[in-house]
């Protein structure tokens, strides 16, 4: 199963020492893409990459480690072979 979330449903913040690993994923900022009133952060974590949409004044910089949280109320699941929506 493949998890799908829109970038605005991913929250990006500083590393939280002692935080719950079940609620956050540690990633590294690869690229900050300014888009006017917002920026897209291209992030790498373990074996996956992510894009998070943040406010233009978000302080992320390339090679910085950040923590991602996901709003699973907006999650969609897909069959990885066919791309068909499961839920």
PDB file of N, CA and C in Angstrom:
ATOM      1  N   UNK A   1       0.837  -1.152   0.000  1.00  0.00           N
ATOM      2  CA  UNK A   1       0.000   0.000   0.000  1.00  0.00           C
ATOM      3  C   UNK A   1       0.898   1.237   0.000  1.00  0.00           C
ATOM      4  N   UNK A   2       0.502   2.259  -0.741  1.00  0.00           N
ATOM      5  CA  UNK A   2       1.213   3.528  -0.789  1.00  0.00           C
ATOM      6  C   UNK A   2       0.354   4.598  -0.133  1.00  0.00           C
ATOM      7  N   UNK A   3       0.961   5.366   0.774  1.00  0.00           N
ATOM      8  CA  UNK A   3       0.270   6.452   1.460  1.00  0.00           C
ATOM      9  C   UNK A   3       0.399   7.714   0.629  1.00  0.00           C
ATOM     10  N   UNK A   4      -0.707   8.440   0.465  1.00  0.00           N
ATOM     11  CA  UNK A   4      -0.687   9.698  -0.262  1.00  0.00           C
ATOM     12  C   UNK A   4      -1.232  10.826   0.596  1.00  0.00           C
ATOM     13  N   UNK A   5      -0.495  11.921   0.675  1.00  0.00           N
ATOM     14  CA  UNK A   5      -0.917  13.133   1.377  1.00  0.00           C
ATOM     15  C   UNK A   5      -0.516  14.332   0.546  1.00  0.00           C
ATOM     16  N   UNK A   6      -1.328  15.374   0.543  1.00  0.00           N
ATOM     17  CA  UNK A   6      -0.969  16.619  -0.137  1.00  0.00           C
ATOM     18  C   UNK A   6       0.069  17.351   0.716  1.00  0.00           C
ATOM     19  N   UNK A   7       0.923  18.155   0.076  1.00  0.00           N
ATOM     20  CA  UNK A   7       1.985  18.847   0.828  1.00  0.00           C
ATOM     21  C   UNK A   7       1.469  19.698   1.984  1.00  0.00           C
ATOM     22  N   UNK A   8       0.283  20.273   1.860  1.00  0.00           N
ATOM     23  CA  UNK A   8      -0.237  21.113   2.942  1.00  0.00           C
ATOM     24  C   UNK A   8      -0.687  20.314   4.161  1.00  0.00           C
ATOM     25  N   UNK A   9      -0.697  18.979   4.057  1.00  0.00           N
ATOM     26  CA  UNK A   9      -1.059  18.129   5.185  1.00  0.00           C
ATOM     27  C   UNK A   9       0.169  17.511   5.846  1.00  0.00           C
ATOM     28  N   UNK A  10       1.339  18.062   5.523  1.00  0.00           N
ATOM     29  CA  UNK A  10       2.596  17.659   6.150  1.00  0.00           C
ATOM     30  C   UNK A  10       3.139  18.878   6.884  1.00  0.00           C
ATOM     31  N   UNK A  11       3.390  18.729   8.176  1.00  0.00           N
ATOM     32  CA  UNK A  11       3.931  19.819   8.983  1.00  0.00           C
ATOM     33  C   UNK A  11       5.409  19.572   9.204  1.00  0.00           C
ATOM     34  N   UNK A  12       6.193  20.608   8.999  1.00  0.00           N
ATOM     35  CA  UNK A  12       7.644  20.502   9.102  1.00  0.00           C
ATOM     36  C   UNK A  12       8.127  21.421  10.215  1.00  0.00           C
ATOM     37  N   UNK A  13       8.938  20.884  11.118  1.00  0.00           N
ATOM     38  CA  UNK A  13       9.451  21.695  12.208  1.00  0.00           C
ATOM     39  C   UNK A  13      10.831  21.234  12.633  1.00  0.00           C
ATOM     40  N   UNK A  14      11.410  21.904  13.618  1.00  0.00           N
ATOM     41  CA  UNK A  14      12.738  21.520  14.089  1.00  0.00           C
ATOM     42  C   UNK A  14      12.704  20.151  14.755  1.00  0.00           C
ATOM     43  N   UNK A  15      13.857  19.494  14.835  1.00  0.00           N
ATOM     44  CA  UNK A  15      13.949  18.216  15.525  1.00  0.00           C
ATOM     45  C   UNK A  15      13.516  18.392  16.968  1.00  0.00           C
ATOM     46  N   UNK A  16      12.774  17.442  17.472  1.00  0.00           N
ATOM     47  CA  UNK A  16      12.305  17.485  18.853  1.00  0.00           C
ATOM     48  C   UNK A  16      12.952  16.350  19.628  1.00  0.00           C
ATOM     49  N   UNK A  17      14.012  16.614  20.375  1.00  0.00           N
ATOM     50  CA  UNK A  17      14.650  15.547  21.164  1.00  0.00           C
ATOM     51  C   UNK A  17      13.640  14.902  22.110  1.00  0.00           C
ATOM     52  N   UNK A  18      13.625  13.601  22.135  1.00  0.00           N
ATOM     53  CA  UNK A  18      12.723  12.884  23.020  1.00  0.00           C
ATOM     54  C   UNK A  18      11.291  12.815  22.533  1.00  0.00           C
ATOM     55  N   UNK A  19      11.019  13.329  21.328  1.00  0.00           N
ATOM     56  CA  UNK A  19       9.665  13.277  20.784  1.00  0.00           C
ATOM     57  C   UNK A  19       9.278  11.861  20.426  1.00  0.00           C
ATOM     58  N   UNK A  20       8.002  11.618  20.282  1.00  0.00           N
ATOM     59  CA  UNK A  20       7.501  10.290  19.954  1.00  0.00           C
ATOM     60  C   UNK A  20       7.819   9.945  18.498  1.00  0.00           C
ATOM     61  N   UNK A  21       8.614   8.890  18.248  1.00  0.00           N
ATOM     62  CA  UNK A  21       8.918   8.508  16.868  1.00  0.00           C
ATOM     63  C   UNK A  21       7.689   8.031  16.094  1.00  0.00           C
ATOM     64  N   UNK A  22       6.631   7.638  16.798  1.00  0.00           N
ATOM     65  CA  UNK A  22       5.413   7.194  16.124  1.00  0.00           C
ATOM     66  C   UNK A  22       4.651   8.370  15.528  1.00  0.00           C
ATOM     67  N   UNK A  23       4.934   9.586  15.966  1.00  0.00           N
ATOM     68  CA  UNK A  23       4.182  10.747  15.511  1.00  0.00           C
ATOM     69  C   UNK A  23       4.988  11.636  14.584  1.00  0.00           C
ATOM     70  N   UNK A  24       6.259  11.343  14.379  1.00  0.00           N
ATOM     71  CA  UNK A  24       7.086  12.211  13.547  1.00  0.00           C
ATOM     72  C   UNK A  24       8.115  11.383  12.785  1.00  0.00           C
ATOM     73  N   UNK A  25       8.593  11.946  11.699  1.00  0.00           N
ATOM     74  CA  UNK A  25       9.610  11.307  10.872  1.00  0.00           C
ATOM     75  C   UNK A  25      10.762  12.292  10.702  1.00  0.00           C
ATOM     76  N   UNK A  26      11.965  11.838  10.973  1.00  0.00           N
ATOM     77  CA  UNK A  26      13.141  12.687  10.843  1.00  0.00           C
ATOM     78  C   UNK A  26      13.584  12.701   9.382  1.00  0.00           C
ATOM     79  N   UNK A  27      13.781  13.898   8.824  1.00  0.00           N
ATOM     80  CA  UNK A  27      14.176  14.052   7.427  1.00  0.00           C
ATOM     81  C   UNK A  27      15.257  15.114   7.310  1.00  0.00           C
ATOM     82  N   UNK A  28      15.789  15.253   6.099  1.00  0.00           N
ATOM     83  CA  UNK A  28      16.788  16.278   5.792  1.00  0.00           C
ATOM     84  C   UNK A  28      16.264  17.127   4.635  1.00  0.00           C
ATOM     85  N   UNK A  29      16.393  18.441   4.775  1.00  0.00           N
ATOM     86  CA  UNK A  29      15.973  19.360   3.707  1.00  0.00           C
ATOM     87  C   UNK A  29      16.973  19.248   2.561  1.00  0.00           C
ATOM     88  N   UNK A  30      16.495  18.892   1.384  1.00  0.00           N
ATOM     89  CA  UNK A  30      17.352  18.816   0.205  1.00  0.00           C
ATOM     90  C   UNK A  30      17.297  20.107  -0.608  1.00  0.00           C
ATOM     91  N   UNK A  31      16.106  20.712  -0.670  1.00  0.00           N
ATOM     92  CA  UNK A  31      15.912  21.897  -1.500  1.00  0.00           C
ATOM     93  C   UNK A  31      14.781  22.731  -0.929  1.00  0.00           C
ATOM     94  N   UNK A  32      14.961  24.045  -0.909  1.00  0.00           N
ATOM     95  CA  UNK A  32      13.893  24.978  -0.551  1.00  0.00           C
ATOM     96  C   UNK A  32      13.501  25.694  -1.832  1.00  0.00           C
ATOM     97  N   UNK A  33      12.240  25.539  -2.237  1.00  0.00           N
ATOM     98  CA  UNK A  33      11.756  26.098  -3.490  1.00  0.00           C
ATOM     99  C   UNK A  33      10.761  27.224  -3.193  1.00  0.00           C
ATOM    100  N   UNK A  34      11.228  28.499  -3.182  1.00  0.00           N
ATOM    101  CA  UNK A  34      10.328  29.630  -2.915  1.00  0.00           C
ATOM    102  C   UNK A  34       9.292  29.770  -4.031  1.00  0.00           C
ATOM    103  N   UNK A  35       8.025  29.981  -3.631  1.00  0.00           N
ATOM    104  CA  UNK A  35       6.929  30.095  -4.595  1.00  0.00           C
ATOM    105  C   UNK A  35       6.055  31.310  -4.282  1.00  0.00           C
ATOM    106  N   UNK A  36       6.648  32.403  -3.840  1.00  0.00           N
ATOM    107  CA  UNK A  36       5.870  33.588  -3.485  1.00  0.00           C
ATOM    108  C   UNK A  36       5.460  33.542  -2.032  1.00  0.00           C
ATOM    109  N   UNK A  37       4.153  33.378  -1.769  1.00  0.00           N
ATOM    110  CA  UNK A  37       3.626  33.383  -0.407  1.00  0.00           C
ATOM    111  C   UNK A  37       3.909  32.090   0.346  1.00  0.00           C
ATOM    112  N   UNK A  38       4.451  31.088  -0.335  1.00  0.00           N
ATOM    113  CA  UNK A  38       4.776  29.805   0.286  1.00  0.00           C
ATOM    114  C   UNK A  38       6.047  29.247  -0.324  1.00  0.00           C
ATOM    115  N   UNK A  39       6.567  28.221   0.303  1.00  0.00           N
ATOM    116  CA  UNK A  39       7.740  27.518  -0.222  1.00  0.00           C
ATOM    117  C   UNK A  39       7.460  26.027  -0.181  1.00  0.00           C
ATOM    118  N   UNK A  40       8.072  25.299  -1.093  1.00  0.00           N
ATOM    119  CA  UNK A  40       8.027  23.846  -1.062  1.00  0.00           C
ATOM    120  C   UNK A  40       9.372  23.363  -0.553  1.00  0.00           C
ATOM    121  N   UNK A  41       9.328  22.504   0.469  1.00  0.00           N
ATOM    122  CA  UNK A  41      10.542  21.895   0.990  1.00  0.00           C
ATOM    123  C   UNK A  41      10.631  20.487   0.431  1.00  0.00           C
ATOM    124  N   UNK A  42      11.711  20.200  -0.256  1.00  0.00           N
ATOM    125  CA  UNK A  42      11.968  18.852  -0.756  1.00  0.00           C
ATOM    126  C   UNK A  42      12.819  18.177   0.300  1.00  0.00           C
ATOM    127  N   UNK A  43      12.317  17.052   0.828  1.00  0.00           N
ATOM    128  CA  UNK A  43      12.899  16.419   2.000  1.00  0.00           C
ATOM    129  C   UNK A  43      13.227  14.959   1.724  1.00  0.00           C
ATOM    130  N   UNK A  44      14.279  14.464   2.348  1.00  0.00           N
ATOM    131  CA  UNK A  44      14.659  13.055   2.237  1.00  0.00           C
ATOM    132  C   UNK A  44      14.639  12.432   3.621  1.00  0.00           C
ATOM    133  N   UNK A  45      14.000  11.277   3.724  1.00  0.00           N
ATOM    134  CA  UNK A  45      13.949  10.567   4.997  1.00  0.00           C
ATOM    135  C   UNK A  45      14.041   9.080   4.776  1.00  0.00           C
ATOM    136  N   UNK A  46      15.012   8.457   5.346  1.00  0.00           N
ATOM    137  CA  UNK A  46      15.226   7.012   5.229  1.00  0.00           C
ATOM    138  C   UNK A  46      15.215   6.603   3.758  1.00  0.00           C
ATOM    139  N   UNK A  47      14.182   5.916   3.315  1.00  0.00           N
ATOM    140  CA  UNK A  47      14.122   5.450   1.923  1.00  0.00           C
ATOM    141  C   UNK A  47      13.103   6.212   1.091  1.00  0.00           C
ATOM    142  N   UNK A  48      12.515   7.274   1.637  1.00  0.00           N
ATOM    143  CA  UNK A  48      11.468   8.006   0.934  1.00  0.00           C
ATOM    144  C   UNK A  48      11.806   9.479   0.832  1.00  0.00           C
ATOM    145  N   UNK A  49      11.189  10.124  -0.152  1.00  0.00           N
ATOM    146  CA  UNK A  49      11.315  11.576  -0.255  1.00  0.00           C
ATOM    147  C   UNK A  49       9.923  12.185  -0.109  1.00  0.00           C
ATOM    148  N   UNK A  50       9.889  13.441   0.311  1.00  0.00           N
ATOM    149  CA  UNK A  50       8.638  14.129   0.601  1.00  0.00           C
ATOM    150  C   UNK A  50       8.735  15.556   0.113  1.00  0.00           C
ATOM    151  N   UNK A  51       7.573  16.163  -0.099  1.00  0.00           N
ATOM    152  CA  UNK A  51       7.490  17.603  -0.363  1.00  0.00           C
ATOM    153  C   UNK A  51       6.502  18.160   0.649  1.00  0.00           C
ATOM    154  N   UNK A  52       6.904  19.201   1.364  1.00  0.00           N
ATOM    155  CA  UNK A  52       6.022  19.867   2.327  1.00  0.00           C
ATOM    156  C   UNK A  52       5.826  21.308   1.876  1.00  0.00           C
ATOM    157  N   UNK A  53       4.596  21.792   1.978  1.00  0.00           N
ATOM    158  CA  UNK A  53       4.305  23.186   1.643  1.00  0.00           C
ATOM    159  C   UNK A  53       4.283  23.974   2.950  1.00  0.00           C
ATOM    160  N   UNK A  54       5.112  25.020   3.029  1.00  0.00           N
ATOM    161  CA  UNK A  54       5.235  25.828   4.241  1.00  0.00           C
ATOM    162  C   UNK A  54       5.120  27.306   3.885  1.00  0.00           C
ATOM    163  N   UNK A  55       4.955  28.152   4.899  1.00  0.00           N
ATOM    164  CA  UNK A  55       4.918  29.598   4.684  1.00  0.00           C
ATOM    165  C   UNK A  55       6.261  30.062   4.122  1.00  0.00           C
ATOM    166  N   UNK A  56       6.229  31.128   3.335  1.00  0.00           N
ATOM    167  CA  UNK A  56       7.449  31.637   2.695  1.00  0.00           C
ATOM    168  C   UNK A  56       8.527  32.007   3.695  1.00  0.00           C
ATOM    169  N   UNK A  57       8.131  32.389   4.902  1.00  0.00           N
ATOM    170  CA  UNK A  57       9.121  32.789   5.900  1.00  0.00           C
ATOM    171  C   UNK A  57       9.586  31.635   6.779  1.00  0.00           C
ATOM    172  N   UNK A  58       9.254  30.392   6.416  1.00  0.00           N
ATOM    173  CA  UNK A  58       9.708  29.219   7.179  1.00  0.00           C
ATOM    174  C   UNK A  58      11.234  29.197   7.164  1.00  0.00           C
ATOM    175  N   UNK A  59      11.882  28.954   8.303  1.00  0.00           N
ATOM    176  CA  UNK A  59      13.337  29.095   8.392  1.00  0.00           C
ATOM    177  C   UNK A  59      14.171  27.915   7.891  1.00  0.00           C
ATOM    178  N   UNK A  60      13.614  26.970   7.154  1.00  0.00           N
ATOM    179  CA  UNK A  60      14.377  25.799   6.710  1.00  0.00           C
ATOM    180  C   UNK A  60      15.490  26.175   5.747  1.00  0.00           C
ATOM    181  N   UNK A  61      16.602  25.444   5.861  1.00  0.00           N
ATOM    182  CA  UNK A  61      17.744  25.628   4.964  1.00  0.00           C
ATOM    183  C   UNK A  61      18.217  24.255   4.487  1.00  0.00           C
ATOM    184  N   UNK A  62      18.796  24.161   3.290  1.00  0.00           N
ATOM    185  CA  UNK A  62      19.282  22.873   2.796  1.00  0.00           C
ATOM    186  C   UNK A  62      20.272  22.226   3.766  1.00  0.00           C
ATOM    187  N   UNK A  63      20.197  20.914   3.855  1.00  0.00           N
ATOM    188  CA  UNK A  63      21.012  20.032   4.696  1.00  0.00           C
ATOM    189  C   UNK A  63      20.617  20.066   6.171  1.00  0.00           C
ATOM    190  N   UNK A  64      19.598  20.850   6.523  1.00  0.00           N
ATOM    191  CA  UNK A  64      19.109  20.907   7.898  1.00  0.00           C
ATOM    192  C   UNK A  64      18.238  19.679   8.178  1.00  0.00           C
ATOM    193  N   UNK A  65      18.350  19.129   9.378  1.00  0.00           N
ATOM    194  CA  UNK A  65      17.481  18.037   9.788  1.00  0.00           C
ATOM    195  C   UNK A  65      16.215  18.622  10.379  1.00  0.00           C
ATOM    196  N   UNK A  66      15.074  18.094   9.938  1.00  0.00           N
ATOM    197  CA  UNK A  66      13.775  18.553  10.421  1.00  0.00           C
ATOM    198  C   UNK A  66      12.885  17.348  10.712  1.00  0.00           C
ATOM    199  N   UNK A  67      11.804  17.607  11.419  1.00  0.00           N
ATOM    200  CA  UNK A  67      10.854  16.575  11.785  1.00  0.00           C
ATOM    201  C   UNK A  67       9.548  16.814  11.029  1.00  0.00           C
ATOM    202  N   UNK A  68       8.992  15.751  10.449  1.00  0.00           N
ATOM    203  CA  UNK A  68       7.711  15.842   9.744  1.00  0.00           C
ATOM    204  C   UNK A  68       6.618  15.180  10.561  1.00  0.00           C
ATOM    205  N   UNK A  69       5.457  15.823  10.563  1.00  0.00           N
ATOM    206  CA  UNK A  69       4.254  15.235  11.143  1.00  0.00           C
ATOM    207  C   UNK A  69       3.204  15.203  10.033  1.00  0.00           C
ATOM    208  N   UNK A  70       2.381  14.178  10.040  1.00  0.00           N
ATOM    209  CA  UNK A  70       1.414  13.970   8.974  1.00  0.00           C
ATOM    210  C   UNK A  70      -0.010  14.071   9.509  1.00  0.00           C
ATOM    211  N   UNK A  71      -0.870  14.803   8.820  1.00  0.00           N
ATOM    212  CA  UNK A  71      -2.279  14.899   9.186  1.00  0.00           C
ATOM    213  C   UNK A  71      -3.005  13.759   8.482  1.00  0.00           C
ATOM    214  N   UNK A  72      -3.111  12.636   9.173  1.00  0.00           N
ATOM    215  CA  UNK A  72      -3.657  11.422   8.565  1.00  0.00           C
ATOM    216  C   UNK A  72      -5.167  11.471   8.343  1.00  0.00           C
ATOM    217  N   UNK A  73      -5.820  12.549   8.793  1.00  0.00           N
ATOM    218  CA  UNK A  73      -7.243  12.704   8.483  1.00  0.00           C
ATOM    219  C   UNK A  73      -7.440  12.889   6.981  1.00  0.00           C
ATOM    220  N   UNK A  74      -6.389  13.290   6.281  1.00  0.00           N
ATOM    221  CA  UNK A  74      -6.464  13.544   4.842  1.00  0.00           C
ATOM    222  C   UNK A  74      -5.740  12.467   4.026  1.00  0.00           C
ATOM    223  N   UNK A  75      -5.397  11.363   4.664  1.00  0.00           N
ATOM    224  CA  UNK A  75      -4.632  10.307   4.006  1.00  0.00           C
ATOM    225  C   UNK A  75      -5.455   9.572   2.957  1.00  0.00           C
ATOM    226  N   UNK A  76      -4.788   9.240   1.870  1.00  0.00           N
ATOM    227  CA  UNK A  76      -5.339   8.359   0.840  1.00  0.00           C
ATOM    228  C   UNK A  76      -4.372   7.200   0.688  1.00  0.00           C
ATOM    229  N   UNK A  77      -4.893   6.035   0.360  1.00  0.00           N
ATOM    230  CA  UNK A  77      -4.051   4.863   0.182  1.00  0.00           C
ATOM    231  C   UNK A  77      -4.252   4.330  -1.228  1.00  0.00           C
ATOM    232  N   UNK A  78      -3.153   3.912  -1.837  1.00  0.00           N
ATOM    233  CA  UNK A  78      -3.155   3.464  -3.227  1.00  0.00           C
ATOM    234  C   UNK A  78      -2.514   2.093  -3.352  1.00  0.00           C
ATOM    235  N   UNK A  79      -2.971   1.348  -4.325  1.00  0.00           N
ATOM    236  CA  UNK A  79      -2.324   0.094  -4.707  1.00  0.00           C
ATOM    237  C   UNK A  79      -1.054   0.470  -5.455  1.00  0.00           C
ATOM    238  N   UNK A  80       0.133   0.039  -4.985  1.00  0.00           N
ATOM    239  CA  UNK A  80       1.375   0.453  -5.634  1.00  0.00           C
ATOM    240  C   UNK A  80       1.531  -0.064  -7.069  1.00  0.00           C
ATOM    241  N   UNK A  81       0.921  -1.183  -7.395  1.00  0.00           N
ATOM    242  CA  UNK A  81       1.060  -1.741  -8.728  1.00  0.00           C
ATOM    243  C   UNK A  81       0.183  -1.020  -9.744  1.00  0.00           C
ATOM    244  N   UNK A  82      -1.071  -0.749  -9.381  1.00  0.00           N
ATOM    245  CA  UNK A  82      -2.004  -0.179 -10.343  1.00  0.00           C
ATOM    246  C   UNK A  82      -2.222   1.335 -10.162  1.00  0.00           C
ATOM    247  N   UNK A  83      -1.909   1.856  -8.958  1.00  0.00           N
ATOM    248  CA  UNK A  83      -2.179   3.259  -8.674  1.00  0.00           C
ATOM    249  C   UNK A  83      -3.628   3.511  -8.300  1.00  0.00           C
ATOM    250  N   UNK A  84      -4.432   2.473  -8.203  1.00  0.00           N
ATOM    251  CA  UNK A  84      -5.840   2.602  -7.864  1.00  0.00           C
ATOM    252  C   UNK A  84      -6.007   2.979  -6.389  1.00  0.00           C
ATOM    253  N   UNK A  85      -6.930   3.907  -6.122  1.00  0.00           N
ATOM    254  CA  UNK A  85      -7.212   4.305  -4.755  1.00  0.00           C
ATOM    255  C   UNK A  85      -7.860   3.163  -3.995  1.00  0.00           C
ATOM    256  N   UNK A  86      -7.334   2.870  -2.802  1.00  0.00           N
ATOM    257  CA  UNK A  86      -7.905   1.824  -1.950  1.00  0.00           C
ATOM    258  C   UNK A  86      -8.880   2.455  -0.963  1.00  0.00           C
ATOM    259  N   UNK A  87      -8.468   3.512  -0.312  1.00  0.00           N
ATOM    260  CA  UNK A  87      -9.338   4.200   0.660  1.00  0.00           C
ATOM    261  C   UNK A  87      -9.274   5.675   0.369  1.00  0.00           C
TER     262      UNK A  87
END
